[in-house]
């Protein structure tokens, strides 16, 4: 008698589980592949690599299997794909400026080289998505190629600051200001992957934090400004001169105002017109995801460990 009661209980539980999964699946919005506006248009060798390693999540060409529509797995897959497309979508490549395209490629290759992409939970089911050393080398060579093209603007000029007197405001409310020109220079760097030169300034709070090793977390009120120029001409002595002004980037520390991005507020103003970057405040999340690579330095790239 006990055996039959237990068997009946198991059957009832299984039926309830099946019905619950069916209801949850019916309520889950289906993951779809919207039309593409303009695909990535790099060399065939690079396209093949991105397509087999990245496109399943980072494009509108996701290969949809039947189990992608079954809850609760469908929830995670849908969430992961939509998040991936928001950060990088090869199907809307034409919507990015040339500078942003170079930046996205550099970011993708950097994540691949560090083993963070493709994600391990994805490659467990799709082992063919793993990149070989040869494929990674192809991508690195491509970065060098687009960098050389982008920086072929020979101009001998000094690093001229950009100062405007009209209000420029980022979508998150951060306004451009030129006060940083009187601040201490923290460091000067080059990024050979995208052909740019940078001068990084810090206000008094940021400079003191570096001097005292108080950068994880940084104190509220710290402000770091990175001014970026394209590389220009290289003379016979190997000196590289700046080309056109590229952008200026702000990082403002306020752990109350910018809670969702680890206490940092981001803003970027492009070209000498200082055009605010980002269509809405969601751009901050993209910035933060990149800066997580520098978590050991309080999410700040390119700073010295000590300052006088």
C-alpha atoms as a PDB file:
ATOM      1  CA  UNK A   1       0.000   0.000   0.000  1.00  0.00           C
ATOM      2  CA  UNK A   2       2.805   2.376   0.956  1.00  0.00           C
ATOM      3  CA  UNK A   3       4.542   1.694  -2.375  1.00  0.00           C
ATOM      4  CA  UNK A   4       1.488   2.703  -4.404  1.00  0.00           C
ATOM      5  CA  UNK A   5       0.959   5.880  -2.348  1.00  0.00           C
ATOM      6  CA  UNK A   6       4.572   6.920  -2.917  1.00  0.00           C
ATOM      7  CA  UNK A   7       4.362   6.093  -6.623  1.00  0.00           C
ATOM      8  CA  UNK A   8       1.218   8.196  -6.946  1.00  0.00           C
ATOM      9  CA  UNK A   9       2.921  11.075  -5.141  1.00  0.00           C
ATOM     10  CA  UNK A  10       5.884  10.930  -7.528  1.00  0.00           C
ATOM     11  CA  UNK A  11       3.562  10.944 -10.547  1.00  0.00           C
ATOM     12  CA  UNK A  12       1.662  13.967  -9.180  1.00  0.00           C
ATOM     13  CA  UNK A  13       4.915  15.848  -8.542  1.00  0.00           C
ATOM     14  CA  UNK A  14       6.143  15.085 -12.060  1.00  0.00           C
ATOM     15  CA  UNK A  15       2.858  16.249 -13.579  1.00  0.00           C
ATOM     16  CA  UNK A  16       2.946  19.466 -11.569  1.00  0.00           C
ATOM     17  CA  UNK A  17       6.552  20.070 -12.656  1.00  0.00           C
ATOM     18  CA  UNK A  18       5.709  19.508 -16.326  1.00  0.00           C
ATOM     19  CA  UNK A  19       2.729  21.862 -16.122  1.00  0.00           C
ATOM     20  CA  UNK A  20       4.811  24.488 -14.316  1.00  0.00           C
ATOM     21  CA  UNK A  21       7.556  24.327 -16.958  1.00  0.00           C
ATOM     22  CA  UNK A  22       4.955  24.555 -19.714  1.00  0.00           C
ATOM     23  CA  UNK A  23       3.361  27.643 -18.122  1.00  0.00           C
ATOM     24  CA  UNK A  24       6.720  29.325 -17.530  1.00  0.00           C
ATOM     25  CA  UNK A  25       7.785  28.585 -21.099  1.00  0.00           C
ATOM     26  CA  UNK A  26       4.553  30.041 -22.456  1.00  0.00           C
ATOM     27  CA  UNK A  27       5.091  33.202 -20.408  1.00  0.00           C
ATOM     28  CA  UNK A  28       8.727  33.658 -21.488  1.00  0.00           C
ATOM     29  CA  UNK A  29       9.143  36.162 -24.353  1.00  0.00           C
ATOM     30  CA  UNK A  30      10.755  34.266 -27.251  1.00  0.00           C
ATOM     31  CA  UNK A  31      14.328  35.126 -28.224  1.00  0.00           C
ATOM     32  CA  UNK A  32      14.264  36.396 -31.797  1.00  0.00           C
ATOM     33  CA  UNK A  33      16.725  37.474 -34.486  1.00  0.00           C
ATOM     34  CA  UNK A  34      15.831  41.017 -35.597  1.00  0.00           C
ATOM     35  CA  UNK A  35      16.934  42.212 -39.047  1.00  0.00           C
ATOM     36  CA  UNK A  36      20.564  43.249 -39.458  1.00  0.00           C
ATOM     37  CA  UNK A  37      21.301  46.810 -40.550  1.00  0.00           C
ATOM     38  CA  UNK A  38      24.946  46.306 -41.489  1.00  0.00           C
ATOM     39  CA  UNK A  39      27.250  43.367 -40.761  1.00  0.00           C
ATOM     40  CA  UNK A  40      30.907  43.531 -39.753  1.00  0.00           C
ATOM     41  CA  UNK A  41      32.848  44.139 -42.975  1.00  0.00           C
ATOM     42  CA  UNK A  42      36.421  43.143 -42.132  1.00  0.00           C
ATOM     43  CA  UNK A  43      38.590  40.624 -44.005  1.00  0.00           C
ATOM     44  CA  UNK A  44      37.112  37.164 -44.661  1.00  0.00           C
ATOM     45  CA  UNK A  45      39.596  35.525 -42.282  1.00  0.00           C
ATOM     46  CA  UNK A  46      38.511  37.823 -39.441  1.00  0.00           C
ATOM     47  CA  UNK A  47      34.817  37.487 -40.281  1.00  0.00           C
ATOM     48  CA  UNK A  48      35.043  33.677 -40.114  1.00  0.00           C
ATOM     49  CA  UNK A  49      36.602  33.834 -36.644  1.00  0.00           C
ATOM     50  CA  UNK A  50      34.032  36.256 -35.256  1.00  0.00           C
ATOM     51  CA  UNK A  51      31.169  34.280 -36.790  1.00  0.00           C
ATOM     52  CA  UNK A  52      32.095  30.929 -35.262  1.00  0.00           C
ATOM     53  CA  UNK A  53      33.254  32.333 -31.906  1.00  0.00           C
ATOM     54  CA  UNK A  54      31.078  35.395 -31.269  1.00  0.00           C
ATOM     55  CA  UNK A  55      28.051  35.687 -33.537  1.00  0.00           C
ATOM     56  CA  UNK A  56      25.819  33.281 -31.597  1.00  0.00           C
ATOM     57  CA  UNK A  57      25.515  35.895 -28.848  1.00  0.00           C
ATOM     58  CA  UNK A  58      26.932  39.097 -30.335  1.00  0.00           C
ATOM     59  CA  UNK A  59      24.782  39.367 -33.461  1.00  0.00           C
ATOM     60  CA  UNK A  60      21.217  38.948 -34.684  1.00  0.00           C
ATOM     61  CA  UNK A  61      22.162  35.552 -36.086  1.00  0.00           C
ATOM     62  CA  UNK A  62      21.772  33.463 -32.935  1.00  0.00           C
ATOM     63  CA  UNK A  63      21.290  29.773 -33.728  1.00  0.00           C
ATOM     64  CA  UNK A  64      18.038  29.035 -31.943  1.00  0.00           C
ATOM     65  CA  UNK A  65      17.557  25.436 -30.774  1.00  0.00           C
ATOM     66  CA  UNK A  66      14.332  24.026 -29.348  1.00  0.00           C
ATOM     67  CA  UNK A  67      15.691  23.984 -25.805  1.00  0.00           C
ATOM     68  CA  UNK A  68      16.339  27.743 -26.023  1.00  0.00           C
ATOM     69  CA  UNK A  69      12.598  28.200 -25.610  1.00  0.00           C
ATOM     70  CA  UNK A  70      12.177  25.958 -22.542  1.00  0.00           C
ATOM     71  CA  UNK A  71      12.042  27.628 -19.121  1.00  0.00           C
ATOM     72  CA  UNK A  72      13.961  28.171 -16.945  1.00  0.00           C
ATOM     73  CA  UNK A  73      16.909  27.697 -19.352  1.00  0.00           C
ATOM     74  CA  UNK A  74      15.265  30.090 -21.819  1.00  0.00           C
ATOM     75  CA  UNK A  75      15.411  32.877 -19.225  1.00  0.00           C
ATOM     76  CA  UNK A  76      19.179  32.677 -18.860  1.00  0.00           C
ATOM     77  CA  UNK A  77      19.862  32.263 -22.574  1.00  0.00           C
ATOM     78  CA  UNK A  78      17.601  35.167 -23.500  1.00  0.00           C
ATOM     79  CA  UNK A  79      19.133  37.377 -20.802  1.00  0.00           C
ATOM     80  CA  UNK A  80      22.710  36.493 -21.791  1.00  0.00           C
ATOM     81  CA  UNK A  81      22.153  37.044 -25.521  1.00  0.00           C
ATOM     82  CA  UNK A  82      20.329  40.352 -25.099  1.00  0.00           C
ATOM     83  CA  UNK A  83      23.060  41.594 -22.762  1.00  0.00           C
ATOM     84  CA  UNK A  84      25.771  40.476 -25.206  1.00  0.00           C
ATOM     85  CA  UNK A  85      24.057  42.223 -28.127  1.00  0.00           C
ATOM     86  CA  UNK A  86      23.794  45.416 -26.105  1.00  0.00           C
ATOM     87  CA  UNK A  87      27.551  45.483 -25.505  1.00  0.00           C
ATOM     88  CA  UNK A  88      28.580  44.420 -29.014  1.00  0.00           C
ATOM     89  CA  UNK A  89      26.335  43.569 -31.952  1.00  0.00           C
ATOM     90  CA  UNK A  90      28.077  42.719 -35.218  1.00  0.00           C
ATOM     91  CA  UNK A  91      24.712  42.999 -36.996  1.00  0.00           C
ATOM     92  CA  UNK A  92      24.603  46.769 -36.374  1.00  0.00           C
ATOM     93  CA  UNK A  93      28.250  47.436 -37.179  1.00  0.00           C
ATOM     94  CA  UNK A  94      27.310  50.248 -39.556  1.00  0.00           C
ATOM     95  CA  UNK A  95      25.868  52.269 -36.655  1.00  0.00           C
ATOM     96  CA  UNK A  96      29.335  52.681 -35.095  1.00  0.00           C
ATOM     97  CA  UNK A  97      31.868  55.329 -36.008  1.00  0.00           C
ATOM     98  CA  UNK A  98      35.250  54.169 -37.311  1.00  0.00           C
ATOM     99  CA  UNK A  99      36.831  54.986 -33.943  1.00  0.00           C
ATOM    100  CA  UNK A 100      34.172  53.015 -32.048  1.00  0.00           C
ATOM    101  CA  UNK A 101      34.589  50.061 -34.425  1.00  0.00           C
ATOM    102  CA  UNK A 102      38.317  49.972 -33.692  1.00  0.00           C
ATOM    103  CA  UNK A 103      37.620  50.244 -29.974  1.00  0.00           C
ATOM    104  CA  UNK A 104      35.053  47.400 -30.069  1.00  0.00           C
ATOM    105  CA  UNK A 105      37.450  45.117 -31.974  1.00  0.00           C
ATOM    106  CA  UNK A 106      40.252  45.891 -29.532  1.00  0.00           C
ATOM    107  CA  UNK A 107      37.963  45.183 -26.574  1.00  0.00           C
ATOM    108  CA  UNK A 108      36.766  41.883 -28.105  1.00  0.00           C
ATOM    109  CA  UNK A 109      40.295  40.655 -28.829  1.00  0.00           C
ATOM    110  CA  UNK A 110      41.442  41.722 -25.373  1.00  0.00           C
ATOM    111  CA  UNK A 111      38.646  39.710 -23.750  1.00  0.00           C
ATOM    112  CA  UNK A 112      39.478  36.692 -25.939  1.00  0.00           C
ATOM    113  CA  UNK A 113      43.173  36.863 -25.093  1.00  0.00           C
ATOM    114  CA  UNK A 114      42.384  36.958 -21.374  1.00  0.00           C
ATOM    115  CA  UNK A 115      40.188  33.870 -21.720  1.00  0.00           C
ATOM    116  CA  UNK A 116      37.013  35.725 -20.726  1.00  0.00           C
ATOM    117  CA  UNK A 117      35.384  35.266 -24.128  1.00  0.00           C
ATOM    118  CA  UNK A 118      33.807  33.122 -25.376  1.00  0.00           C
ATOM    119  CA  UNK A 119      32.374  32.345 -21.945  1.00  0.00           C
ATOM    120  CA  UNK A 120      33.191  28.967 -20.467  1.00  0.00           C
ATOM    121  CA  UNK A 121      29.568  28.005 -19.946  1.00  0.00           C
ATOM    122  CA  UNK A 122      29.076  28.582 -23.680  1.00  0.00           C
ATOM    123  CA  UNK A 123      32.147  26.674 -24.887  1.00  0.00           C
ATOM    124  CA  UNK A 124      31.165  23.678 -22.764  1.00  0.00           C
ATOM    125  CA  UNK A 125      28.212  23.204 -25.123  1.00  0.00           C
ATOM    126  CA  UNK A 126      29.962  24.694 -28.171  1.00  0.00           C
ATOM    127  CA  UNK A 127      33.627  23.598 -28.029  1.00  0.00           C
ATOM    128  CA  UNK A 128      34.176  24.665 -31.639  1.00  0.00           C
ATOM    129  CA  UNK A 129      33.790  28.280 -30.515  1.00  0.00           C
ATOM    130  CA  UNK A 130      37.163  28.164 -28.760  1.00  0.00           C
ATOM    131  CA  UNK A 131      39.855  30.105 -30.592  1.00  0.00           C
ATOM    132  CA  UNK A 132      43.223  28.646 -31.502  1.00  0.00           C
ATOM    133  CA  UNK A 133      46.492  30.526 -31.093  1.00  0.00           C
ATOM    134  CA  UNK A 134      46.591  30.955 -34.871  1.00  0.00           C
ATOM    135  CA  UNK A 135      43.129  32.549 -34.889  1.00  0.00           C
ATOM    136  CA  UNK A 136      44.063  34.877 -32.042  1.00  0.00           C
ATOM    137  CA  UNK A 137      47.143  35.920 -34.005  1.00  0.00           C
ATOM    138  CA  UNK A 138      44.948  36.700 -37.030  1.00  0.00           C
ATOM    139  CA  UNK A 139      42.813  39.007 -34.877  1.00  0.00           C
ATOM    140  CA  UNK A 140      45.865  40.743 -33.392  1.00  0.00           C
ATOM    141  CA  UNK A 141      47.309  41.311 -36.848  1.00  0.00           C
ATOM    142  CA  UNK A 142      43.978  42.798 -37.931  1.00  0.00           C
ATOM    143  CA  UNK A 143      44.135  45.286 -35.037  1.00  0.00           C
ATOM    144  CA  UNK A 144      47.600  46.368 -36.179  1.00  0.00           C
ATOM    145  CA  UNK A 145      46.269  46.822 -39.733  1.00  0.00           C
ATOM    146  CA  UNK A 146      43.314  49.049 -38.791  1.00  0.00           C
ATOM    147  CA  UNK A 147      45.522  50.999 -36.388  1.00  0.00           C
ATOM    148  CA  UNK A 148      48.030  51.798 -39.109  1.00  0.00           C
ATOM    149  CA  UNK A 149      45.254  52.963 -41.425  1.00  0.00           C
ATOM    150  CA  UNK A 150      43.609  55.114 -38.771  1.00  0.00           C
ATOM    151  CA  UNK A 151      46.819  56.838 -37.715  1.00  0.00           C
ATOM    152  CA  UNK A 152      48.071  57.705 -41.204  1.00  0.00           C
ATOM    153  CA  UNK A 153      47.499  61.440 -40.725  1.00  0.00           C
ATOM    154  CA  UNK A 154      50.972  62.998 -40.549  1.00  0.00           C
ATOM    155  CA  UNK A 155      50.872  66.279 -38.631  1.00  0.00           C
ATOM    156  CA  UNK A 156      53.560  67.874 -36.517  1.00  0.00           C
ATOM    157  CA  UNK A 157      51.845  69.794 -33.745  1.00  0.00           C
ATOM    158  CA  UNK A 158      51.888  70.214 -30.006  1.00  0.00           C
ATOM    159  CA  UNK A 159      49.309  68.593 -27.736  1.00  0.00           C
ATOM    160  CA  UNK A 160      46.769  71.389 -27.855  1.00  0.00           C
ATOM    161  CA  UNK A 161      44.013  71.310 -25.234  1.00  0.00           C
ATOM    162  CA  UNK A 162      40.433  71.712 -26.328  1.00  0.00           C
ATOM    163  CA  UNK A 163      38.555  74.423 -24.472  1.00  0.00           C
ATOM    164  CA  UNK A 164      34.940  75.332 -25.160  1.00  0.00           C
ATOM    165  CA  UNK A 165      32.699  77.858 -23.497  1.00  0.00           C
ATOM    166  CA  UNK A 166      29.374  76.251 -24.342  1.00  0.00           C
ATOM    167  CA  UNK A 167      27.769  73.635 -22.118  1.00  0.00           C
ATOM    168  CA  UNK A 168      28.379  70.024 -23.139  1.00  0.00           C
ATOM    169  CA  UNK A 169      26.577  67.367 -21.116  1.00  0.00           C
ATOM    170  CA  UNK A 170      26.835  63.571 -21.142  1.00  0.00           C
ATOM    171  CA  UNK A 171      23.550  61.555 -21.064  1.00  0.00           C
ATOM    172  CA  UNK A 172      24.193  60.821 -17.367  1.00  0.00           C
ATOM    173  CA  UNK A 173      24.401  64.511 -16.478  1.00  0.00           C
ATOM    174  CA  UNK A 174      28.195  64.905 -16.316  1.00  0.00           C
ATOM    175  CA  UNK A 175      29.179  68.216 -17.901  1.00  0.00           C
ATOM    176  CA  UNK A 176      32.388  68.918 -19.770  1.00  0.00           C
ATOM    177  CA  UNK A 177      34.760  71.274 -17.961  1.00  0.00           C
ATOM    178  CA  UNK A 178      38.283  72.492 -18.743  1.00  0.00           C
ATOM    179  CA  UNK A 179      39.524  72.928 -15.160  1.00  0.00           C
ATOM    180  CA  UNK A 180      41.587  69.743 -15.539  1.00  0.00           C
ATOM    181  CA  UNK A 181      44.107  71.699 -17.638  1.00  0.00           C
ATOM    182  CA  UNK A 182      45.490  73.147 -14.379  1.00  0.00           C
ATOM    183  CA  UNK A 183      45.694  69.730 -12.688  1.00  0.00           C
ATOM    184  CA  UNK A 184      48.721  67.515 -12.240  1.00  0.00           C
ATOM    185  CA  UNK A 185      49.521  65.087 -15.052  1.00  0.00           C
ATOM    186  CA  UNK A 186      49.379  61.548 -13.652  1.00  0.00           C
ATOM    187  CA  UNK A 187      50.826  59.716 -16.653  1.00  0.00           C
ATOM    188  CA  UNK A 188      51.196  59.834 -20.458  1.00  0.00           C
ATOM    189  CA  UNK A 189      50.515  56.638 -22.420  1.00  0.00           C
ATOM    190  CA  UNK A 190      50.220  55.233 -25.934  1.00  0.00           C
ATOM    191  CA  UNK A 191      47.791  52.627 -27.197  1.00  0.00           C
ATOM    192  CA  UNK A 192      49.401  51.098 -30.247  1.00  0.00           C
ATOM    193  CA  UNK A 193      46.392  48.865 -30.876  1.00  0.00           C
ATOM    194  CA  UNK A 194      44.226  51.829 -31.882  1.00  0.00           C
ATOM    195  CA  UNK A 195      46.867  54.443 -32.671  1.00  0.00           C
ATOM    196  CA  UNK A 196      46.229  56.987 -29.921  1.00  0.00           C
ATOM    197  CA  UNK A 197      48.262  59.039 -27.452  1.00  0.00           C
ATOM    198  CA  UNK A 198      46.911  59.952 -24.012  1.00  0.00           C
ATOM    199  CA  UNK A 199      47.556  62.452 -21.245  1.00  0.00           C
ATOM    200  CA  UNK A 200      45.885  61.583 -17.941  1.00  0.00           C
ATOM    201  CA  UNK A 201      45.183  64.282 -15.354  1.00  0.00           C
ATOM    202  CA  UNK A 202      44.018  63.969 -11.753  1.00  0.00           C
ATOM    203  CA  UNK A 203      42.534  66.459  -9.325  1.00  0.00           C
ATOM    204  CA  UNK A 204      44.111  66.925  -5.884  1.00  0.00           C
ATOM    205  CA  UNK A 205      42.007  64.153  -4.335  1.00  0.00           C
ATOM    206  CA  UNK A 206      42.994  61.645  -7.040  1.00  0.00           C
ATOM    207  CA  UNK A 207      46.702  62.559  -6.842  1.00  0.00           C
ATOM    208  CA  UNK A 208      46.710  62.222  -3.046  1.00  0.00           C
ATOM    209  CA  UNK A 209      44.938  58.843  -3.298  1.00  0.00           C
ATOM    210  CA  UNK A 210      47.669  57.529  -5.607  1.00  0.00           C
ATOM    211  CA  UNK A 211      50.432  58.911  -3.385  1.00  0.00           C
ATOM    212  CA  UNK A 212      48.936  57.200  -0.331  1.00  0.00           C
ATOM    213  CA  UNK A 213      47.945  53.972  -2.138  1.00  0.00           C
ATOM    214  CA  UNK A 214      44.304  54.674  -1.309  1.00  0.00           C
ATOM    215  CA  UNK A 215      42.813  53.508  -4.618  1.00  0.00           C
ATOM    216  CA  UNK A 216      40.784  50.421  -3.822  1.00  0.00           C
ATOM    217  CA  UNK A 217      38.310  51.945  -3.372  1.00  0.00           C
ATOM    218  CA  UNK A 218      39.130  55.478  -4.473  1.00  0.00           C
ATOM    219  CA  UNK A 219      37.852  58.282  -2.210  1.00  0.00           C
ATOM    220  CA  UNK A 220      34.762  60.212  -3.168  1.00  0.00           C
ATOM    221  CA  UNK A 221      35.585  63.387  -5.046  1.00  0.00           C
ATOM    222  CA  UNK A 222      38.462  61.889  -7.017  1.00  0.00           C
ATOM    223  CA  UNK A 223      38.309  62.920 -10.680  1.00  0.00           C
ATOM    224  CA  UNK A 224      40.460  61.544 -13.480  1.00  0.00           C
ATOM    225  CA  UNK A 225      40.500  63.009 -16.987  1.00  0.00           C
ATOM    226  CA  UNK A 226      42.051  61.302 -20.007  1.00  0.00           C
ATOM    227  CA  UNK A 227      42.714  63.404 -23.107  1.00  0.00           C
ATOM    228  CA  UNK A 228      43.231  61.409 -26.316  1.00  0.00           C
ATOM    229  CA  UNK A 229      44.879  62.336 -29.632  1.00  0.00           C
ATOM    230  CA  UNK A 230      45.362  60.258 -32.753  1.00  0.00           C
ATOM    231  CA  UNK A 231      48.982  59.427 -33.494  1.00  0.00           C
ATOM    232  CA  UNK A 232      50.486  61.447 -36.302  1.00  0.00           C
ATOM    233  CA  UNK A 233      53.888  61.560 -37.934  1.00  0.00           C
ATOM    234  CA  UNK A 234      57.009  59.769 -36.694  1.00  0.00           C
ATOM    235  CA  UNK A 235      60.306  61.555 -37.400  1.00  0.00           C
ATOM    236  CA  UNK A 236      63.717  60.113 -38.179  1.00  0.00           C
ATOM    237  CA  UNK A 237      64.576  59.981 -34.469  1.00  0.00           C
ATOM    238  CA  UNK A 238      61.522  57.883 -33.652  1.00  0.00           C
ATOM    239  CA  UNK A 239      59.558  60.711 -32.030  1.00  0.00           C
ATOM    240  CA  UNK A 240      55.809  60.394 -32.607  1.00  0.00           C
ATOM    241  CA  UNK A 241      53.816  63.594 -32.965  1.00  0.00           C
ATOM    242  CA  UNK A 242      50.105  63.914 -32.195  1.00  0.00           C
ATOM    243  CA  UNK A 243      47.545  64.039 -34.951  1.00  0.00           C
ATOM    244  CA  UNK A 244      43.934  65.149 -34.555  1.00  0.00           C
ATOM    245  CA  UNK A 245      42.248  65.536 -31.192  1.00  0.00           C
ATOM    246  CA  UNK A 246      40.190  62.361 -30.617  1.00  0.00           C
ATOM    247  CA  UNK A 247      38.259  62.636 -27.352  1.00  0.00           C
ATOM    248  CA  UNK A 248      38.350  63.516 -23.668  1.00  0.00           C
ATOM    249  CA  UNK A 249      37.147  61.074 -21.001  1.00  0.00           C
ATOM    250  CA  UNK A 250      36.030  61.766 -17.439  1.00  0.00           C
ATOM    251  CA  UNK A 251      35.849  59.445 -14.431  1.00  0.00           C
ATOM    252  CA  UNK A 252      34.187  60.969 -11.364  1.00  0.00           C
ATOM    253  CA  UNK A 253      34.114  59.141  -8.048  1.00  0.00           C
ATOM    254  CA  UNK A 254      30.799  59.357  -6.188  1.00  0.00           C
ATOM    255  CA  UNK A 255      29.628  56.078  -4.640  1.00  0.00           C
ATOM    256  CA  UNK A 256      26.138  57.444  -3.963  1.00  0.00           C
ATOM    257  CA  UNK A 257      25.411  59.016  -7.335  1.00  0.00           C
ATOM    258  CA  UNK A 258      26.916  56.192  -9.407  1.00  0.00           C
ATOM    259  CA  UNK A 259      26.010  53.094  -7.394  1.00  0.00           C
ATOM    260  CA  UNK A 260      25.292  50.828 -10.360  1.00  0.00           C
ATOM    261  CA  UNK A 261      28.764  51.400 -11.852  1.00  0.00           C
ATOM    262  CA  UNK A 262      30.876  50.687  -8.769  1.00  0.00           C
ATOM    263  CA  UNK A 263      30.837  54.322  -7.670  1.00  0.00           C
ATOM    264  CA  UNK A 264      32.336  55.745 -10.864  1.00  0.00           C
ATOM    265  CA  UNK A 265      30.589  58.139 -13.233  1.00  0.00           C
ATOM    266  CA  UNK A 266      31.814  58.036 -16.828  1.00  0.00           C
ATOM    267  CA  UNK A 267      31.614  60.581 -19.635  1.00  0.00           C
ATOM    268  CA  UNK A 268      33.283  60.933 -23.016  1.00  0.00           C
ATOM    269  CA  UNK A 269      33.243  63.836 -25.457  1.00  0.00           C
ATOM    270  CA  UNK A 270      34.350  63.053 -29.009  1.00  0.00           C
ATOM    271  CA  UNK A 271      36.219  65.171 -31.582  1.00  0.00           C
ATOM    272  CA  UNK A 272      37.024  68.862 -31.255  1.00  0.00           C
ATOM    273  CA  UNK A 273      33.250  69.458 -31.228  1.00  0.00           C
ATOM    274  CA  UNK A 274      33.096  67.567 -27.903  1.00  0.00           C
ATOM    275  CA  UNK A 275      30.106  65.491 -28.934  1.00  0.00           C
ATOM    276  CA  UNK A 276      28.785  63.567 -25.874  1.00  0.00           C
ATOM    277  CA  UNK A 277      29.138  59.798 -26.213  1.00  0.00           C
ATOM    278  CA  UNK A 278      26.150  57.507 -25.636  1.00  0.00           C
ATOM    279  CA  UNK A 279      22.515  57.603 -26.672  1.00  0.00           C
ATOM    280  CA  UNK A 280      21.316  57.201 -23.079  1.00  0.00           C
ATOM    281  CA  UNK A 281      22.678  56.487 -19.590  1.00  0.00           C
ATOM    282  CA  UNK A 282      23.114  52.773 -20.362  1.00  0.00           C
ATOM    283  CA  UNK A 283      26.485  53.582 -21.970  1.00  0.00           C
ATOM    284  CA  UNK A 284      27.910  53.771 -18.423  1.00  0.00           C
ATOM    285  CA  UNK A 285      27.435  50.021 -17.994  1.00  0.00           C
ATOM    286  CA  UNK A 286      29.511  49.356 -21.113  1.00  0.00           C
ATOM    287  CA  UNK A 287      32.252  51.591 -19.718  1.00  0.00           C
ATOM    288  CA  UNK A 288      32.171  49.813 -16.373  1.00  0.00           C
ATOM    289  CA  UNK A 289      32.311  46.353 -17.936  1.00  0.00           C
ATOM    290  CA  UNK A 290      35.509  47.337 -19.707  1.00  0.00           C
ATOM    291  CA  UNK A 291      37.002  48.930 -16.574  1.00  0.00           C
ATOM    292  CA  UNK A 292      36.374  45.757 -14.557  1.00  0.00           C
ATOM    293  CA  UNK A 293      39.583  44.517 -16.161  1.00  0.00           C
ATOM    294  CA  UNK A 294      41.367  47.064 -13.945  1.00  0.00           C
ATOM    295  CA  UNK A 295      39.643  46.049 -10.697  1.00  0.00           C
ATOM    296  CA  UNK A 296      43.026  45.721  -8.942  1.00  0.00           C
ATOM    297  CA  UNK A 297      43.509  49.488  -9.423  1.00  0.00           C
ATOM    298  CA  UNK A 298      40.026  50.446  -8.316  1.00  0.00           C
ATOM    299  CA  UNK A 299      38.741  50.134 -11.928  1.00  0.00           C
ATOM    300  CA  UNK A 300      41.145  52.751 -13.314  1.00  0.00           C
ATOM    301  CA  UNK A 301      43.469  52.007 -16.241  1.00  0.00           C
ATOM    302  CA  UNK A 302      46.943  53.418 -16.889  1.00  0.00           C
ATOM    303  CA  UNK A 303      47.873  54.839 -13.503  1.00  0.00           C
ATOM    304  CA  UNK A 304      51.258  54.602 -11.776  1.00  0.00           C
ATOM    305  CA  UNK A 305      51.420  52.678  -8.513  1.00  0.00           C
ATOM    306  CA  UNK A 306      53.319  55.556  -6.899  1.00  0.00           C
ATOM    307  CA  UNK A 307      53.580  59.325  -7.371  1.00  0.00           C
ATOM    308  CA  UNK A 308      55.796  62.010  -5.876  1.00  0.00           C
END
